[in-house]
Amino acid sequence: MVFWQLTIDANDPAVLARFWAQALGYQPAPPAEPQTTWHAHYRARLGKDVAFGDRLFDPAGLRPPIWFQEVPEAKAGKNRVHLDLCPTGRDNALPMERRIEIVESKVAELIRLGANVERRARTTTRRTRSTTWSCTTRKATSSASVEAQGGMQARPGPARPTGTPTRADPLHR
């Protein structure tokens, strides 16, 4: 098995790390458990410091770490990667009203972090016979499209005009 981390180029890694730590529930220091060579490597790199300013770790040690790598150049072109966050846990047993409450709670959290609501939409598809409720939030360095059925898509990036598809949003500035 290959261990991997998500590396995101950024002009201001600390700002993105703080936002994503809150959005994902990650922490800026590797967990003590499970004991892995990867976590041991990062604990050794920390030395006497308590936390990284540009790296995030899943507190349970089960999901990949994220490194916000500082780069001098500005973003050029669109990114091909985004993160899908699912505040409902993709629990289809939850009634749609409850899923919307959970999504609204996550949107409120992102607003407290500095995001603004850009748009809200509810769509029903015939093919899957499902209803998706979504809300897009925007911040200068981050954005999130929250879906009650399909999860929450959150990506740092510059603000874009209303109506632009969320799937093509950049992952870094």
Protein backbone atom coordinates (compact mmCIF):
# COMPACT_ATOMS: atom_id res chain seq x y z
CA MET A 1 0.00 0.00 0.00
CA VAL A 2 1.22 3.49 -0.83
CA PHE A 3 0.70 6.19 1.75
CA TRP A 4 -0.10 9.59 0.25
CA GLN A 5 -0.93 13.15 1.21
CA LEU A 6 -2.82 15.84 -0.65
CA THR A 7 -0.50 18.72 -1.57
CA ILE A 8 -2.04 22.06 -2.50
CA ASP A 9 0.01 24.94 -3.90
CA ALA A 10 -0.87 28.17 -2.11
CA ASN A 11 0.28 31.76 -1.82
CA ASP A 12 -0.78 31.94 1.84
CA PRO A 13 -0.65 28.40 3.32
CA ALA A 14 -1.49 29.47 6.88
CA VAL A 15 -4.81 31.07 5.85
CA LEU A 16 -5.86 28.01 3.89
CA ALA A 17 -4.72 25.64 6.63
CA ARG A 18 -6.83 27.48 9.22
CA PHE A 19 -9.92 27.43 7.01
CA TRP A 20 -9.58 23.74 6.09
CA ALA A 21 -8.81 22.70 9.66
CA GLN A 22 -12.22 24.07 10.64
CA ALA A 23 -14.05 22.82 7.53
CA LEU A 24 -12.65 19.27 7.78
CA GLY A 25 -12.18 18.88 11.52
CA TYR A 26 -8.45 18.31 10.94
CA GLN A 27 -5.64 19.39 13.26
CA PRO A 28 -2.20 20.95 12.59
CA ALA A 29 -0.24 18.15 14.34
CA PRO A 30 -0.01 14.44 13.50
CA PRO A 31 -2.03 12.13 15.76
CA ALA A 32 -0.30 9.89 18.30
CA GLU A 33 -2.33 6.90 17.07
CA PRO A 34 -2.23 4.92 14.92
CA GLN A 35 1.53 4.47 15.04
CA THR A 36 2.67 4.87 11.44
CA THR A 37 6.04 5.70 9.92
CA TRP A 38 4.40 8.69 8.21
CA HIS A 39 3.09 10.17 11.47
CA ALA A 40 6.43 9.44 13.19
CA HIS A 41 8.20 11.28 10.35
CA TYR A 42 6.04 14.36 10.86
CA ARG A 43 6.29 14.27 14.65
CA ALA A 44 10.10 14.24 14.23
CA ARG A 45 9.92 17.18 11.78
CA LEU A 46 7.93 19.17 14.32
CA GLY A 47 10.77 18.96 16.82
CA LYS A 48 9.87 21.19 19.77
CA ASP A 49 7.06 22.93 17.87
CA VAL A 50 3.52 21.93 18.79
CA ALA A 51 1.94 22.26 15.36
CA PHE A 52 2.56 22.96 11.70
CA GLY A 53 1.25 26.16 10.12
CA ASP A 54 0.95 24.62 6.66
CA ARG A 55 -0.05 20.96 7.26
CA LEU A 56 -3.20 19.30 8.52
CA PHE A 57 -3.88 15.81 9.87
CA ASP A 58 -6.97 13.74 10.49
CA PRO A 59 -7.21 13.47 14.31
CA ALA A 60 -8.07 9.77 13.99
CA GLY A 61 -5.09 9.20 11.70
CA LEU A 62 -7.23 7.44 9.10
CA ARG A 63 -7.50 9.98 6.29
CA PRO A 64 -4.64 11.51 4.30
CA PRO A 65 -2.80 14.58 5.56
CA ILE A 66 -2.93 17.85 3.63
CA TRP A 67 0.08 20.06 2.94
CA PHE A 68 -0.43 23.64 1.79
CA GLN A 69 2.84 24.17 -0.09
CA GLU A 70 3.86 27.80 -0.42
CA VAL A 71 4.56 28.87 -3.98
CA PRO A 72 5.61 32.35 -5.17
CA GLU A 73 3.66 32.41 -8.42
CA ALA A 74 0.00 33.32 -8.70
CA LYS A 75 -2.48 30.69 -9.79
CA ALA A 76 -2.61 30.30 -13.57
CA GLY A 77 -5.54 28.44 -15.10
CA LYS A 78 -8.16 26.31 -13.48
CA ASN A 79 -7.49 23.45 -11.11
CA ARG A 80 -8.58 19.91 -11.79
CA VAL A 81 -9.08 18.83 -8.15
CA HIS A 82 -11.65 19.65 -5.48
CA LEU A 83 -12.72 18.16 -2.18
CA ASP A 84 -16.22 16.82 -1.55
CA LEU A 85 -17.25 17.13 2.08
CA CYS A 86 -20.33 15.26 3.22
CA PRO A 87 -21.70 16.74 6.44
CA THR A 88 -24.66 14.32 6.30
CA GLY A 89 -22.34 11.31 6.14
CA ARG A 90 -24.26 10.41 2.96
CA ASP A 91 -26.91 8.87 5.20
CA ASN A 92 -29.85 8.41 2.84
CA ALA A 93 -31.96 7.16 5.75
CA LEU A 94 -32.10 10.74 7.07
CA PRO A 95 -35.17 12.66 5.90
CA MET A 96 -34.36 15.44 3.44
CA GLU A 97 -35.41 18.07 6.01
CA ARG A 98 -32.82 16.73 8.50
CA ARG A 99 -30.13 16.64 5.80
CA ILE A 100 -30.89 20.27 4.97
CA GLU A 101 -30.58 21.19 8.69
CA ILE A 102 -27.16 19.50 8.81
CA VAL A 103 -26.04 21.27 5.63
CA GLU A 104 -27.33 24.63 6.93
CA SER A 105 -25.31 24.10 10.10
CA LYS A 106 -22.15 23.52 8.03
CA VAL A 107 -22.90 26.57 5.88
CA ALA A 108 -23.32 28.65 9.05
CA GLU A 109 -19.94 27.40 10.27
CA LEU A 110 -18.29 28.44 6.98
CA ILE A 111 -19.99 31.84 7.18
CA ARG A 112 -18.50 32.30 10.68
CA LEU A 113 -15.12 31.59 9.04
CA GLY A 114 -15.72 34.46 6.59
CA ALA A 115 -17.68 32.91 3.70
CA ASN A 116 -20.78 34.47 2.12
CA VAL A 117 -23.76 32.62 0.64
CA GLU A 118 -23.67 33.03 -3.11
CA ARG A 119 -26.68 30.96 -4.19
CA ARG A 120 -29.14 28.25 -3.15
CA ALA A 121 -30.79 25.69 -5.40
CA ARG A 122 -32.99 22.62 -5.19
CA THR A 123 -33.06 20.20 -8.12
CA THR A 124 -34.83 16.92 -8.77
CA THR A 125 -33.56 14.44 -11.35
CA ARG A 126 -35.81 11.97 -13.13
CA ARG A 127 -33.06 9.44 -13.78
CA THR A 128 -32.15 8.92 -10.11
CA ARG A 129 -35.48 10.13 -8.69
CA SER A 130 -33.55 12.09 -6.12
CA THR A 131 -33.70 15.64 -4.87
CA THR A 132 -30.53 17.56 -4.16
CA TRP A 133 -30.52 20.76 -2.16
CA SER A 134 -27.37 22.86 -2.51
CA CYS A 135 -25.97 26.09 -1.17
CA THR A 136 -22.79 27.73 -2.44
CA THR A 137 -20.72 29.87 -0.09
CA ARG A 138 -17.89 32.14 -1.13
CA LYS A 139 -14.84 33.65 0.53
CA ALA A 140 -11.84 35.29 -1.11
CA THR A 141 -9.71 32.19 -0.48
CA SER A 142 -12.37 29.49 -0.16
CA SER A 143 -15.68 28.29 -1.47
CA ALA A 144 -18.11 25.51 -0.69
CA SER A 145 -21.08 24.00 -2.44
CA VAL A 146 -23.12 22.14 0.12
CA GLU A 147 -25.48 19.43 -1.02
CA ALA A 148 -27.99 17.72 1.24
CA GLN A 149 -27.97 14.54 -0.83
CA GLY A 150 -24.61 14.40 -2.55
CA GLY A 151 -22.36 15.90 0.12
CA MET A 152 -20.52 19.16 0.40
CA GLN A 153 -18.01 20.34 -2.15
CA ALA A 154 -15.52 22.81 -0.75
CA ARG A 155 -12.57 24.32 -2.54
CA PRO A 156 -10.35 27.29 -1.82
CA GLY A 157 -10.17 29.65 -4.74
CA PRO A 158 -11.05 33.09 -6.00
CA ALA A 159 -14.67 34.17 -6.03
CA ARG A 160 -16.48 33.63 -9.31
CA PRO A 161 -19.66 35.13 -10.74
CA THR A 162 -23.01 33.69 -9.66
CA GLY A 163 -24.19 30.92 -11.93
CA THR A 164 -20.77 29.49 -12.76
CA PRO A 165 -20.71 25.68 -12.21
CA THR A 166 -19.19 24.72 -8.87
CA ARG A 167 -17.44 21.56 -10.12
CA ALA A 168 -14.79 23.60 -11.96
CA ASP A 169 -13.77 25.73 -9.01
CA PRO A 170 -10.02 26.09 -8.28
CA LEU A 171 -8.43 24.35 -5.31
CA HIS A 172 -5.91 27.10 -4.53
CA ARG A 173 -5.23 30.73 -5.30
